[in-house]
Amino acid sequence: MRGSSLVTRQLPLTGGFTRGRSGQPIRRITWHHVVGNLPIETIRDVLSSANISATYGIQDNNIGQYICEDNRPWTSSSAVNDNQAITIEISNDQSVMGGTRTEMERRGDQLGWPISPESYETAIALTVDCMQRNDMPPLVVGETLTWHSMFSNTSCPGPWIMARLQQIADECNRRAFGAHTNSLWGVARQVVALSDRERAEALASQLNAEREDSTQSFYYVIERPRPQ
């Protein structure tokens, strides 16, 4: 099945996903946490038992692929998101584990459900690979980098990942497109959010013209509704 060359083991699911993506391009990444320190094989079993899916699962340096990237996973409680997203279930750090489920949940809540440094680096590398192979735009928090609790009443992906979403976007953009693109993208986002459309369009044009590779526009204006 189509996917990343970084995958450690193919662990295909037979259900809990939709074949195809309803004609939608892949333009989003969604990180999840699995509520525990679980091997990639166990992550697959948990998904299968719940009749849901994710594109990939990670524990430390191991990556499992569960469905083809051409198919829509059932991960984020949103068909709109998952039709466009590669979803990644990430095992929590060993520090959250306790003797019982109750103890583990208490420790996880206290620590913010962290993931290990190895899992974090593996997830970054996998995200960058997916971005480059699928010709994705830069990650923008809340636009192309999404999370489960955007769409459902859940604490996933946990406070540890939530606190690092901008860091994740910045690092992935730097690796995928270069430091120049990444640093200027933040400026463009600020102007789009705070200024009028004419100024935003002008800045997007300026930033695209300043790129070392000007054959493709990475900066574009996103229309955001005003708060009610």
C-alpha atoms as a PDB file:
ATOM      1  CA  MET A   1       0.000   0.000   0.000  1.00  0.00           C
ATOM      2  CA  ARG A   2       1.181   3.503  -0.781  1.00  0.00           C
ATOM      3  CA  GLY A   3       3.001   5.114   2.096  1.00  0.00           C
ATOM      4  CA  SER A   4       6.286   6.147   3.638  1.00  0.00           C
ATOM      5  CA  SER A   5       9.597   4.366   3.119  1.00  0.00           C
ATOM      6  CA  LEU A   6      10.277   5.111   6.801  1.00  0.00           C
ATOM      7  CA  VAL A   7       7.733   2.472   7.861  1.00  0.00           C
ATOM      8  CA  THR A   8       9.144  -0.259  10.090  1.00  0.00           C
ATOM      9  CA  ARG A   9       6.303  -2.720   9.584  1.00  0.00           C
ATOM     10  CA  GLN A  10       3.150  -2.929   7.480  1.00  0.00           C
ATOM     11  CA  LEU A  11       0.218  -3.792   9.759  1.00  0.00           C
ATOM     12  CA  PRO A  12      -2.830  -3.471   7.481  1.00  0.00           C
ATOM     13  CA  LEU A  13      -6.304  -3.073   8.913  1.00  0.00           C
ATOM     14  CA  THR A  14      -9.201  -4.751   7.121  1.00  0.00           C
ATOM     15  CA  GLY A  15     -11.899  -2.309   8.235  1.00  0.00           C
ATOM     16  CA  GLY A  16     -12.574   0.946  10.044  1.00  0.00           C
ATOM     17  CA  PHE A  17     -11.659   3.165   7.087  1.00  0.00           C
ATOM     18  CA  THR A  18     -13.087   4.400   3.781  1.00  0.00           C
ATOM     19  CA  ARG A  19     -11.551   3.488   0.458  1.00  0.00           C
ATOM     20  CA  GLY A  20     -10.572   6.656  -1.364  1.00  0.00           C
ATOM     21  CA  ARG A  21     -10.812  10.249  -0.129  1.00  0.00           C
ATOM     22  CA  SER A  22     -13.902  11.520  -1.973  1.00  0.00           C
ATOM     23  CA  GLY A  23     -11.655  13.316  -4.427  1.00  0.00           C
ATOM     24  CA  GLN A  24      -9.943  15.368  -1.706  1.00  0.00           C
ATOM     25  CA  PRO A  25      -6.174  16.038  -1.832  1.00  0.00           C
ATOM     26  CA  ILE A  26      -3.959  15.229   1.142  1.00  0.00           C
ATOM     27  CA  ARG A  27      -3.239  18.604   2.739  1.00  0.00           C
ATOM     28  CA  ARG A  28      -3.519  18.027   6.499  1.00  0.00           C
ATOM     29  CA  ILE A  29      -1.584  16.202   9.219  1.00  0.00           C
ATOM     30  CA  THR A  30      -3.283  15.173  12.472  1.00  0.00           C
ATOM     31  CA  TRP A  31      -1.270  13.897  15.463  1.00  0.00           C
ATOM     32  CA  HIS A  32      -3.052  11.778  18.090  1.00  0.00           C
ATOM     33  CA  HIS A  33      -1.846  10.110  21.284  1.00  0.00           C
ATOM     34  CA  VAL A  34      -2.792   6.545  22.171  1.00  0.00           C
ATOM     35  CA  VAL A  35      -3.273   6.884  25.993  1.00  0.00           C
ATOM     36  CA  GLY A  36      -0.445   4.562  27.022  1.00  0.00           C
ATOM     37  CA  ASN A  37       2.967   3.328  25.995  1.00  0.00           C
ATOM     38  CA  LEU A  38       1.923   0.875  23.295  1.00  0.00           C
ATOM     39  CA  PRO A  39       3.909  -0.986  20.611  1.00  0.00           C
ATOM     40  CA  ILE A  40       2.825  -0.352  17.042  1.00  0.00           C
ATOM     41  CA  GLU A  41       1.292  -3.854  16.891  1.00  0.00           C
ATOM     42  CA  THR A  42      -0.865  -3.139  19.945  1.00  0.00           C
ATOM     43  CA  ILE A  43      -1.942   0.218  18.527  1.00  0.00           C
ATOM     44  CA  ARG A  44      -3.214  -1.654  15.487  1.00  0.00           C
ATOM     45  CA  ASP A  45      -5.129  -4.124  17.679  1.00  0.00           C
ATOM     46  CA  VAL A  46      -6.743  -1.290  19.655  1.00  0.00           C
ATOM     47  CA  LEU A  47      -7.838   0.428  16.457  1.00  0.00           C
ATOM     48  CA  SER A  48      -9.175  -2.813  15.020  1.00  0.00           C
ATOM     49  CA  SER A  49     -11.191  -3.656  18.140  1.00  0.00           C
ATOM     50  CA  ALA A  50     -12.860  -0.219  17.997  1.00  0.00           C
ATOM     51  CA  ASN A  51     -13.479  -0.450  14.219  1.00  0.00           C
ATOM     52  CA  ILE A  52     -11.504   2.745  13.618  1.00  0.00           C
ATOM     53  CA  SER A  53      -8.163   3.423  11.963  1.00  0.00           C
ATOM     54  CA  ALA A  54      -5.185   5.713  11.556  1.00  0.00           C
ATOM     55  CA  THR A  55      -2.757   5.984   8.702  1.00  0.00           C
ATOM     56  CA  TYR A  56       0.289   5.368  10.903  1.00  0.00           C
ATOM     57  CA  GLY A  57       1.271   4.502  14.472  1.00  0.00           C
ATOM     58  CA  ILE A  58       4.518   5.308  16.252  1.00  0.00           C
ATOM     59  CA  GLN A  59       6.362   4.000  19.292  1.00  0.00           C
ATOM     60  CA  ASP A  60       9.878   5.425  19.717  1.00  0.00           C
ATOM     61  CA  ASN A  61      11.764   4.606  16.484  1.00  0.00           C
ATOM     62  CA  ASN A  62       9.119   2.232  15.104  1.00  0.00           C
ATOM     63  CA  ILE A  63       6.461   3.177  12.563  1.00  0.00           C
ATOM     64  CA  GLY A  64       3.526   0.958  11.681  1.00  0.00           C
ATOM     65  CA  GLN A  65       1.348   1.614   8.651  1.00  0.00           C
ATOM     66  CA  TYR A  66      -2.278   0.573   9.041  1.00  0.00           C
ATOM     67  CA  ILE A  67      -3.995   1.838   5.889  1.00  0.00           C
ATOM     68  CA  CYS A  68      -2.944   3.141   2.489  1.00  0.00           C
ATOM     69  CA  GLU A  69      -2.426   6.894   2.265  1.00  0.00           C
ATOM     70  CA  ASP A  70      -4.955   6.922  -0.588  1.00  0.00           C
ATOM     71  CA  ASN A  71      -7.723   5.926   1.850  1.00  0.00           C
ATOM     72  CA  ARG A  72      -9.553   8.017   4.441  1.00  0.00           C
ATOM     73  CA  PRO A  73      -8.836   6.954   8.044  1.00  0.00           C
ATOM     74  CA  TRP A  74     -11.520   7.037  10.733  1.00  0.00           C
ATOM     75  CA  THR A  75      -9.486   8.787  13.418  1.00  0.00           C
ATOM     76  CA  SER A  76     -10.512  12.360  14.150  1.00  0.00           C
ATOM     77  CA  SER A  77     -14.328  12.281  14.491  1.00  0.00           C
ATOM     78  CA  SER A  78     -14.527  14.387  11.325  1.00  0.00           C
ATOM     79  CA  ALA A  79     -14.956  13.118   7.791  1.00  0.00           C
ATOM     80  CA  VAL A  80     -14.033  16.587   6.505  1.00  0.00           C
ATOM     81  CA  ASN A  81     -10.688  16.451   8.311  1.00  0.00           C
ATOM     82  CA  ASP A  82      -9.867  12.815   7.689  1.00  0.00           C
ATOM     83  CA  ASN A  83     -10.697  13.021   3.972  1.00  0.00           C
ATOM     84  CA  GLN A  84      -7.737  15.410   3.717  1.00  0.00           C
ATOM     85  CA  ALA A  85      -5.506  14.171   6.550  1.00  0.00           C
ATOM     86  CA  ILE A  86      -2.769  11.697   7.201  1.00  0.00           C
ATOM     87  CA  THR A  87      -3.400  10.713  10.817  1.00  0.00           C
ATOM     88  CA  ILE A  88      -0.677   9.512  13.170  1.00  0.00           C
ATOM     89  CA  GLU A  89      -1.281   7.714  16.476  1.00  0.00           C
ATOM     90  CA  ILE A  90       1.705   8.255  18.785  1.00  0.00           C
ATOM     91  CA  SER A  91       2.519   6.155  21.835  1.00  0.00           C
ATOM     92  CA  ASN A  92       2.971   8.028  25.096  1.00  0.00           C
ATOM     93  CA  ASP A  93       6.224   8.074  27.012  1.00  0.00           C
ATOM     94  CA  GLN A  94       7.041   5.220  29.398  1.00  0.00           C
ATOM     95  CA  SER A  95       6.798   7.703  32.292  1.00  0.00           C
ATOM     96  CA  VAL A  96       2.988   7.616  32.172  1.00  0.00           C
ATOM     97  CA  MET A  97       2.780   3.901  32.828  1.00  0.00           C
ATOM     98  CA  GLY A  98       1.530   2.647  36.192  1.00  0.00           C
ATOM     99  CA  GLY A  99       0.440  -0.593  37.788  1.00  0.00           C
ATOM    100  CA  THR A 100      -3.232  -0.178  36.898  1.00  0.00           C
ATOM    101  CA  ARG A 101      -5.217   1.693  34.275  1.00  0.00           C
ATOM    102  CA  THR A 102      -6.338   4.165  36.942  1.00  0.00           C
ATOM    103  CA  GLU A 103      -2.743   4.790  38.036  1.00  0.00           C
ATOM    104  CA  MET A 104      -1.652   5.255  34.428  1.00  0.00           C
ATOM    105  CA  GLU A 105      -4.420   7.754  33.725  1.00  0.00           C
ATOM    106  CA  ARG A 106      -3.562   9.677  36.900  1.00  0.00           C
ATOM    107  CA  ARG A 107       0.110   9.853  35.930  1.00  0.00           C
ATOM    108  CA  GLY A 108      -0.737  10.763  32.356  1.00  0.00           C
ATOM    109  CA  ASP A 109      -2.985  13.592  33.495  1.00  0.00           C
ATOM    110  CA  GLN A 110      -0.310  14.861  35.888  1.00  0.00           C
ATOM    111  CA  LEU A 111       2.423  14.794  33.242  1.00  0.00           C
ATOM    112  CA  GLY A 112       0.301  16.030  30.341  1.00  0.00           C
ATOM    113  CA  TRP A 113       0.535  12.774  28.356  1.00  0.00           C
ATOM    114  CA  PRO A 114       4.060  13.310  26.970  1.00  0.00           C
ATOM    115  CA  ILE A 115       5.606  11.313  24.150  1.00  0.00           C
ATOM    116  CA  SER A 116       9.230  10.202  24.224  1.00  0.00           C
ATOM    117  CA  PRO A 117      12.000  12.169  22.463  1.00  0.00           C
ATOM    118  CA  GLU A 118      12.392   9.235  20.081  1.00  0.00           C
ATOM    119  CA  SER A 119       8.669   9.206  19.240  1.00  0.00           C
ATOM    120  CA  TYR A 120       8.677  12.966  18.766  1.00  0.00           C
ATOM    121  CA  GLU A 121      11.606  12.855  16.342  1.00  0.00           C
ATOM    122  CA  THR A 122      10.100   9.895  14.476  1.00  0.00           C
ATOM    123  CA  ALA A 123       6.771  11.723  14.153  1.00  0.00           C
ATOM    124  CA  ILE A 124       8.516  14.848  12.839  1.00  0.00           C
ATOM    125  CA  ALA A 125      10.475  12.818  10.266  1.00  0.00           C
ATOM    126  CA  LEU A 126       7.345  10.940   9.161  1.00  0.00           C
ATOM    127  CA  THR A 127       5.340  14.164   8.878  1.00  0.00           C
ATOM    128  CA  VAL A 128       8.033  15.803   6.729  1.00  0.00           C
ATOM    129  CA  ASP A 129       8.199  12.744   4.487  1.00  0.00           C
ATOM    130  CA  CYS A 130       4.421  12.780   4.037  1.00  0.00           C
ATOM    131  CA  MET A 131       4.444  16.516   3.283  1.00  0.00           C
ATOM    132  CA  GLN A 132       7.112  16.202   0.623  1.00  0.00           C
ATOM    133  CA  ARG A 133       5.752  13.099  -1.112  1.00  0.00           C
ATOM    134  CA  ASN A 134       2.197  14.453  -1.222  1.00  0.00           C
ATOM    135  CA  ASP A 135       3.197  17.998  -2.297  1.00  0.00           C
ATOM    136  CA  MET A 136       1.503  19.457   0.778  1.00  0.00           C
ATOM    137  CA  PRO A 137       1.513  23.169   1.669  1.00  0.00           C
ATOM    138  CA  PRO A 138       3.336  24.369   4.801  1.00  0.00           C
ATOM    139  CA  LEU A 139       1.757  23.384   8.098  1.00  0.00           C
ATOM    140  CA  VAL A 140      -0.395  26.060   9.701  1.00  0.00           C
ATOM    141  CA  VAL A 141      -1.734  25.339  13.179  1.00  0.00           C
ATOM    142  CA  GLY A 142      -5.495  24.964  13.006  1.00  0.00           C
ATOM    143  CA  GLU A 143      -5.503  24.859   9.200  1.00  0.00           C
ATOM    144  CA  THR A 144      -3.218  22.126   7.860  1.00  0.00           C
ATOM    145  CA  LEU A 145      -1.933  20.908  11.254  1.00  0.00           C
ATOM    146  CA  THR A 146      -5.051  19.765  13.080  1.00  0.00           C
ATOM    147  CA  TRP A 147      -5.882  17.858  16.258  1.00  0.00           C
ATOM    148  CA  HIS A 148      -8.665  15.572  17.473  1.00  0.00           C
ATOM    149  CA  SER A 149     -10.211  17.952  20.020  1.00  0.00           C
ATOM    150  CA  MET A 150     -10.850  20.457  17.204  1.00  0.00           C
ATOM    151  CA  PHE A 151     -13.649  18.150  16.088  1.00  0.00           C
ATOM    152  CA  SER A 152     -14.736  16.188  19.150  1.00  0.00           C
ATOM    153  CA  ASN A 153     -15.141  16.483  22.931  1.00  0.00           C
ATOM    154  CA  THR A 154     -11.884  14.711  23.742  1.00  0.00           C
ATOM    155  CA  SER A 155      -8.578  15.581  25.402  1.00  0.00           C
ATOM    156  CA  CYS A 156      -6.599  14.004  22.520  1.00  0.00           C
ATOM    157  CA  PRO A 157      -3.771  14.656  21.659  1.00  0.00           C
ATOM    158  CA  GLY A 158      -3.065  15.670  25.265  1.00  0.00           C
ATOM    159  CA  PRO A 159      -1.536  18.843  26.761  1.00  0.00           C
ATOM    160  CA  TRP A 160       2.079  17.909  25.933  1.00  0.00           C
ATOM    161  CA  ILE A 161       1.489  17.780  22.170  1.00  0.00           C
ATOM    162  CA  MET A 162      -1.002  20.667  22.225  1.00  0.00           C
ATOM    163  CA  ALA A 163       1.593  22.955  23.840  1.00  0.00           C
ATOM    164  CA  ARG A 164       4.034  22.187  21.012  1.00  0.00           C
ATOM    165  CA  LEU A 165       1.821  22.515  17.919  1.00  0.00           C
ATOM    166  CA  GLN A 166       3.543  25.676  16.682  1.00  0.00           C
ATOM    167  CA  GLN A 167       6.943  24.121  17.377  1.00  0.00           C
ATOM    168  CA  ILE A 168       5.892  21.048  15.393  1.00  0.00           C
ATOM    169  CA  ALA A 169       4.681  23.167  12.471  1.00  0.00           C
ATOM    170  CA  ASP A 170       7.834  25.282  12.461  1.00  0.00           C
ATOM    171  CA  GLU A 171      10.210  22.312  12.557  1.00  0.00           C
ATOM    172  CA  CYS A 172       8.336  20.378   9.868  1.00  0.00           C
ATOM    173  CA  ASN A 173       8.164  23.440   7.599  1.00  0.00           C
ATOM    174  CA  ARG A 174      11.873  24.127   8.114  1.00  0.00           C
ATOM    175  CA  ARG A 175      12.806  20.595   7.102  1.00  0.00           C
ATOM    176  CA  ALA A 176      10.323  20.332   4.248  1.00  0.00           C
ATOM    177  CA  PHE A 177      10.784  23.769   2.677  1.00  0.00           C
ATOM    178  CA  GLY A 178      13.866  25.379   4.235  1.00  0.00           C
ATOM    179  CA  ALA A 179      14.404  27.901   7.028  1.00  0.00           C
ATOM    180  CA  HIS A 180      13.683  30.871   4.737  1.00  0.00           C
ATOM    181  CA  THR A 181      10.166  29.682   3.936  1.00  0.00           C
ATOM    182  CA  ASN A 182       9.411  28.682   7.504  1.00  0.00           C
ATOM    183  CA  SER A 183      10.377  31.996   9.124  1.00  0.00           C
ATOM    184  CA  LEU A 184       8.490  34.120   6.611  1.00  0.00           C
ATOM    185  CA  TRP A 185       5.364  31.955   6.834  1.00  0.00           C
ATOM    186  CA  GLY A 186       4.863  33.117  10.419  1.00  0.00           C
ATOM    187  CA  VAL A 187       4.887  36.745   9.280  1.00  0.00           C
ATOM    188  CA  ALA A 188       2.326  36.013   6.574  1.00  0.00           C
ATOM    189  CA  ARG A 189       0.043  34.263   9.044  1.00  0.00           C
ATOM    190  CA  GLN A 190       0.171  37.221  11.418  1.00  0.00           C
ATOM    191  CA  VAL A 191      -0.785  39.694   8.712  1.00  0.00           C
ATOM    192  CA  VAL A 192      -3.596  37.475   7.404  1.00  0.00           C
ATOM    193  CA  ALA A 193      -5.021  37.231  10.908  1.00  0.00           C
ATOM    194  CA  LEU A 194      -4.658  40.898  11.880  1.00  0.00           C
ATOM    195  CA  SER A 195      -4.919  42.945   8.692  1.00  0.00           C
ATOM    196  CA  ASP A 196      -7.209  43.463   5.721  1.00  0.00           C
ATOM    197  CA  ARG A 197      -7.234  41.274   2.647  1.00  0.00           C
ATOM    198  CA  GLU A 198      -5.566  43.789   0.317  1.00  0.00           C
ATOM    199  CA  ARG A 199      -2.538  44.079   2.590  1.00  0.00           C
ATOM    200  CA  ALA A 200      -2.502  40.299   3.085  1.00  0.00           C
ATOM    201  CA  GLU A 201      -2.520  39.681  -0.686  1.00  0.00           C
ATOM    202  CA  ALA A 202       0.291  42.202  -1.141  1.00  0.00           C
ATOM    203  CA  LEU A 203       2.445  40.560   1.510  1.00  0.00           C
ATOM    204  CA  ALA A 204       1.794  37.075   0.120  1.00  0.00           C
ATOM    205  CA  SER A 205       2.937  38.281  -3.312  1.00  0.00           C
ATOM    206  CA  GLN A 206       6.025  39.894  -1.805  1.00  0.00           C
ATOM    207  CA  LEU A 207       6.979  36.762   0.122  1.00  0.00           C
ATOM    208  CA  ASN A 208       6.509  34.543  -2.923  1.00  0.00           C
ATOM    209  CA  ALA A 209       8.730  36.877  -4.967  1.00  0.00           C
ATOM    210  CA  GLU A 210      11.471  36.771  -2.305  1.00  0.00           C
ATOM    211  CA  ARG A 211      11.663  32.980  -2.224  1.00  0.00           C
ATOM    212  CA  GLU A 212      14.854  31.469  -3.618  1.00  0.00           C
ATOM    213  CA  ASP A 213      12.719  29.113  -5.696  1.00  0.00           C
ATOM    214  CA  SER A 214      10.005  31.365  -7.097  1.00  0.00           C
ATOM    215  CA  THR A 215       8.531  28.757  -9.440  1.00  0.00           C
ATOM    216  CA  GLN A 216       5.835  27.793  -6.907  1.00  0.00           C
ATOM    217  CA  SER A 217       3.797  29.973  -4.536  1.00  0.00           C
ATOM    218  CA  PHE A 218       3.908  28.752  -0.940  1.00  0.00           C
ATOM    219  CA  TYR A 219       2.198  31.811   0.562  1.00  0.00           C
ATOM    220  CA  TYR A 220      -1.467  32.450   0.081  1.00  0.00           C
ATOM    221  CA  VAL A 221      -4.237  34.280   1.899  1.00  0.00           C
ATOM    222  CA  ILE A 222      -6.612  32.295   4.079  1.00  0.00           C
ATOM    223  CA  GLU A 223      -9.909  34.035   4.725  1.00  0.00           C
ATOM    224  CA  ARG A 224     -10.837  33.767   8.384  1.00  0.00           C
ATOM    225  CA  PRO A 225     -14.306  34.748   9.677  1.00  0.00           C
ATOM    226  CA  ARG A 226     -14.420  37.452  12.294  1.00  0.00           C
ATOM    227  CA  PRO A 227     -15.306  36.291  15.821  1.00  0.00           C
ATOM    228  CA  GLN A 228     -18.973  36.845  16.673  1.00  0.00           C
END
